[in-house]
N, C-alpha and C. Protein backbone atom coordinates (compact mmCIF):
# COMPACT_ATOMS: atom_id res chain seq x y z
N MET A 1 -41.43 39.83 -3.24
CA MET A 1 -40.99 40.16 -4.57
C MET A 1 -40.47 41.59 -4.57
N SER A 2 -39.26 41.78 -5.01
CA SER A 2 -38.69 43.12 -5.09
C SER A 2 -38.95 43.69 -6.47
N SER A 3 -39.29 44.97 -6.52
CA SER A 3 -39.53 45.60 -7.82
C SER A 3 -38.36 46.47 -8.26
N ALA A 4 -37.21 46.33 -7.62
CA ALA A 4 -36.03 47.11 -7.98
C ALA A 4 -35.58 46.76 -9.39
N GLY A 5 -35.30 47.77 -10.19
CA GLY A 5 -34.78 47.56 -11.53
C GLY A 5 -35.82 47.17 -12.56
N ILE A 6 -37.09 47.19 -12.22
CA ILE A 6 -38.13 46.82 -13.16
C ILE A 6 -38.44 48.01 -14.05
N GLN A 7 -38.63 47.75 -15.34
CA GLN A 7 -38.89 48.81 -16.31
C GLN A 7 -40.24 49.48 -16.08
N ALA A 8 -40.42 50.60 -16.75
CA ALA A 8 -41.68 51.34 -16.68
C ALA A 8 -42.82 50.49 -17.20
N ALA A 9 -44.03 50.87 -16.85
CA ALA A 9 -45.23 50.14 -17.24
C ALA A 9 -45.35 50.00 -18.75
N VAL A 10 -45.87 48.88 -19.20
CA VAL A 10 -46.18 48.66 -20.60
C VAL A 10 -47.44 49.48 -20.90
N PRO A 11 -47.37 50.43 -21.85
CA PRO A 11 -48.51 51.33 -22.07
C PRO A 11 -49.83 50.61 -22.36
N GLU A 12 -49.77 49.46 -23.02
CA GLU A 12 -50.98 48.74 -23.41
C GLU A 12 -51.51 47.82 -22.31
N LEU A 13 -50.82 47.72 -21.19
CA LEU A 13 -51.21 46.80 -20.12
C LEU A 13 -52.57 47.16 -19.54
N VAL A 14 -53.42 46.13 -19.41
CA VAL A 14 -54.71 46.28 -18.75
C VAL A 14 -54.71 45.32 -17.56
N VAL A 15 -54.93 45.87 -16.36
CA VAL A 15 -55.01 45.06 -15.14
C VAL A 15 -56.46 45.06 -14.70
N ARG A 16 -57.00 43.85 -14.49
CA ARG A 16 -58.42 43.75 -14.13
C ARG A 16 -58.61 42.72 -13.02
N ASP A 17 -59.25 43.15 -11.94
CA ASP A 17 -59.65 42.22 -10.88
C ASP A 17 -60.95 41.55 -11.30
N LEU A 18 -60.92 40.23 -11.48
CA LEU A 18 -62.14 39.52 -11.87
C LEU A 18 -63.04 39.27 -10.67
N ASP A 19 -62.42 39.05 -9.52
CA ASP A 19 -63.14 38.88 -8.26
C ASP A 19 -62.15 39.17 -7.14
N SER A 20 -62.48 38.81 -5.92
CA SER A 20 -61.61 39.17 -4.79
C SER A 20 -60.29 38.42 -4.75
N VAL A 21 -60.17 37.33 -5.51
CA VAL A 21 -58.92 36.56 -5.47
C VAL A 21 -58.21 36.45 -6.82
N THR A 22 -58.86 36.84 -7.91
CA THR A 22 -58.31 36.64 -9.24
C THR A 22 -58.08 37.97 -9.95
N THR A 23 -56.85 38.16 -10.45
CA THR A 23 -56.49 39.35 -11.21
C THR A 23 -55.86 38.91 -12.52
N ILE A 24 -56.22 39.59 -13.61
CA ILE A 24 -55.59 39.30 -14.90
C ILE A 24 -54.82 40.52 -15.38
N PHE A 25 -53.75 40.26 -16.12
CA PHE A 25 -52.87 41.28 -16.69
C PHE A 25 -52.81 40.99 -18.19
N SER A 26 -53.32 41.88 -19.03
CA SER A 26 -53.41 41.63 -20.46
C SER A 26 -52.61 42.64 -21.27
N VAL A 27 -51.91 42.15 -22.31
CA VAL A 27 -51.19 43.02 -23.24
C VAL A 27 -51.31 42.43 -24.64
N PRO A 28 -51.37 43.29 -25.67
CA PRO A 28 -51.36 42.79 -27.05
C PRO A 28 -49.93 42.46 -27.47
N PHE A 29 -49.76 41.49 -28.36
CA PHE A 29 -48.45 41.23 -28.96
C PHE A 29 -48.66 40.44 -30.24
N GLN A 30 -47.59 40.29 -31.03
CA GLN A 30 -47.64 39.55 -32.28
C GLN A 30 -46.54 38.52 -32.32
N ARG A 31 -46.81 37.44 -33.03
CA ARG A 31 -45.78 36.47 -33.42
C ARG A 31 -45.77 36.48 -34.94
N GLY A 32 -44.77 37.14 -35.48
CA GLY A 32 -44.75 37.33 -36.93
C GLY A 32 -45.92 38.23 -37.30
N PRO A 33 -46.65 37.88 -38.36
CA PRO A 33 -47.77 38.73 -38.78
C PRO A 33 -49.08 38.46 -38.03
N ILE A 34 -49.07 37.49 -37.14
CA ILE A 34 -50.31 37.08 -36.47
C ILE A 34 -50.45 37.77 -35.12
N PRO A 35 -51.52 38.57 -34.95
CA PRO A 35 -51.73 39.22 -33.65
C PRO A 35 -52.30 38.24 -32.63
N PHE A 36 -51.75 38.28 -31.45
CA PHE A 36 -52.20 37.48 -30.32
C PHE A 36 -52.44 38.45 -29.17
N GLY A 37 -52.67 37.91 -28.02
CA GLY A 37 -52.71 38.71 -26.81
C GLY A 37 -52.05 37.91 -25.72
N GLY A 38 -51.41 38.60 -24.80
CA GLY A 38 -50.79 37.93 -23.67
C GLY A 38 -51.62 38.17 -22.43
N ARG A 39 -51.78 37.15 -21.62
CA ARG A 39 -52.53 37.33 -20.40
C ARG A 39 -51.86 36.53 -19.28
N SER A 40 -51.55 37.23 -18.22
CA SER A 40 -51.09 36.58 -16.99
C SER A 40 -52.25 36.58 -16.01
N THR A 41 -52.25 35.60 -15.13
CA THR A 41 -53.30 35.48 -14.13
C THR A 41 -52.67 35.30 -12.77
N ALA A 42 -53.17 36.03 -11.79
CA ALA A 42 -52.71 35.88 -10.40
C ALA A 42 -53.91 35.50 -9.53
N VAL A 43 -53.74 34.46 -8.73
CA VAL A 43 -54.80 33.99 -7.84
C VAL A 43 -54.26 33.96 -6.42
N THR A 44 -54.98 34.59 -5.51
CA THR A 44 -54.63 34.53 -4.09
C THR A 44 -55.24 33.26 -3.51
N LEU A 45 -54.38 32.40 -2.98
CA LEU A 45 -54.82 31.14 -2.40
C LEU A 45 -55.35 31.35 -0.98
N LYS A 46 -56.03 30.35 -0.46
CA LYS A 46 -56.57 30.45 0.91
C LYS A 46 -55.49 30.71 1.94
N SER A 47 -54.26 30.26 1.66
CA SER A 47 -53.13 30.48 2.56
C SER A 47 -52.66 31.93 2.56
N GLY A 48 -53.10 32.71 1.56
CA GLY A 48 -52.64 34.09 1.41
C GLY A 48 -51.51 34.22 0.40
N ASP A 49 -50.90 33.09 0.02
CA ASP A 49 -49.86 33.10 -1.01
C ASP A 49 -50.50 33.35 -2.37
N VAL A 50 -49.68 33.77 -3.34
CA VAL A 50 -50.19 34.08 -4.67
C VAL A 50 -49.60 33.10 -5.68
N TRP A 51 -50.46 32.58 -6.54
CA TRP A 51 -50.13 31.67 -7.63
C TRP A 51 -50.25 32.47 -8.91
N VAL A 52 -49.21 32.46 -9.77
CA VAL A 52 -49.20 33.28 -10.98
C VAL A 52 -48.91 32.42 -12.20
N VAL A 53 -49.74 32.57 -13.24
CA VAL A 53 -49.41 32.05 -14.57
C VAL A 53 -48.90 33.27 -15.33
N ALA A 54 -47.59 33.28 -15.61
CA ALA A 54 -46.94 34.48 -16.15
C ALA A 54 -46.70 34.35 -17.65
N SER A 55 -47.32 35.27 -18.41
CA SER A 55 -47.06 35.31 -19.85
C SER A 55 -47.02 36.75 -20.36
N THR A 56 -46.92 37.72 -19.45
CA THR A 56 -46.78 39.12 -19.82
C THR A 56 -45.55 39.68 -19.12
N PRO A 57 -45.00 40.79 -19.61
CA PRO A 57 -43.79 41.35 -18.99
C PRO A 57 -44.03 41.79 -17.54
N LEU A 58 -43.01 41.61 -16.71
CA LEU A 58 -43.08 42.10 -15.34
C LEU A 58 -42.64 43.55 -15.35
N ASP A 59 -43.61 44.46 -15.21
CA ASP A 59 -43.31 45.88 -15.15
C ASP A 59 -43.69 46.39 -13.76
N GLN A 60 -43.52 47.67 -13.53
CA GLN A 60 -43.77 48.23 -12.21
C GLN A 60 -45.24 48.10 -11.79
N VAL A 61 -46.15 48.35 -12.71
CA VAL A 61 -47.59 48.24 -12.41
C VAL A 61 -47.93 46.81 -11.99
N THR A 62 -47.41 45.83 -12.74
CA THR A 62 -47.67 44.42 -12.42
C THR A 62 -47.06 44.05 -11.07
N ALA A 63 -45.81 44.46 -10.84
CA ALA A 63 -45.14 44.15 -9.57
C ALA A 63 -45.89 44.75 -8.39
N ASP A 64 -46.34 45.99 -8.54
CA ASP A 64 -47.08 46.65 -7.45
C ASP A 64 -48.38 45.91 -7.15
N LYS A 65 -49.10 45.50 -8.20
CA LYS A 65 -50.36 44.79 -8.00
C LYS A 65 -50.11 43.44 -7.33
N LEU A 66 -49.09 42.71 -7.81
CA LEU A 66 -48.78 41.41 -7.21
C LEU A 66 -48.39 41.58 -5.74
N ASN A 67 -47.58 42.58 -5.44
CA ASN A 67 -47.19 42.83 -4.05
C ASN A 67 -48.39 43.15 -3.18
N SER A 68 -49.39 43.83 -3.73
CA SER A 68 -50.59 44.16 -2.94
C SER A 68 -51.45 42.93 -2.67
N LYS A 69 -51.32 41.88 -3.50
CA LYS A 69 -52.11 40.67 -3.32
C LYS A 69 -51.52 39.74 -2.27
N GLY A 70 -50.20 39.81 -2.05
CA GLY A 70 -49.54 38.91 -1.10
C GLY A 70 -48.21 38.45 -1.65
N GLN A 71 -47.64 37.44 -1.01
CA GLN A 71 -46.35 36.91 -1.43
C GLN A 71 -46.54 35.93 -2.59
N VAL A 72 -45.85 36.19 -3.71
CA VAL A 72 -45.90 35.26 -4.84
C VAL A 72 -45.08 34.04 -4.46
N LYS A 73 -45.76 32.91 -4.38
CA LYS A 73 -45.10 31.67 -3.98
C LYS A 73 -44.94 30.69 -5.14
N TYR A 74 -45.85 30.77 -6.11
CA TYR A 74 -45.83 29.84 -7.24
C TYR A 74 -45.91 30.64 -8.54
N ILE A 75 -44.99 30.34 -9.47
CA ILE A 75 -45.00 30.99 -10.79
C ILE A 75 -44.97 29.89 -11.84
N ILE A 76 -45.94 29.92 -12.73
CA ILE A 76 -46.02 28.98 -13.85
C ILE A 76 -45.69 29.78 -15.10
N ALA A 77 -44.76 29.27 -15.93
CA ALA A 77 -44.40 29.94 -17.19
C ALA A 77 -44.71 28.98 -18.33
N PRO A 78 -45.93 29.05 -18.91
CA PRO A 78 -46.33 28.08 -19.90
C PRO A 78 -45.64 28.23 -21.26
N ASP A 79 -45.04 29.38 -21.55
CA ASP A 79 -44.43 29.65 -22.85
C ASP A 79 -43.04 30.19 -22.62
N ALA A 80 -42.04 29.39 -22.91
CA ALA A 80 -40.65 29.79 -22.63
C ALA A 80 -39.99 30.40 -23.86
N GLU A 81 -40.71 31.19 -24.62
CA GLU A 81 -40.16 31.80 -25.83
C GLU A 81 -39.10 32.80 -25.47
């Protein structure tokens, strides 16, 4: 994954390693007047590849963390808004 051209970090982004293979990326956001939160999850598989459920912006901090986990091979985008 190349991080060329990726915007600066989202100030509200929280990156948290839940365990040795699972990392979450959380940001607050709203849909209209209703506050929600966005959370992406990255899991390192036994093969060393990374599986990502992406629902937060790809910024430099996120790209750097994903690159440190391994090669992103699978990306799931559950919300195509």
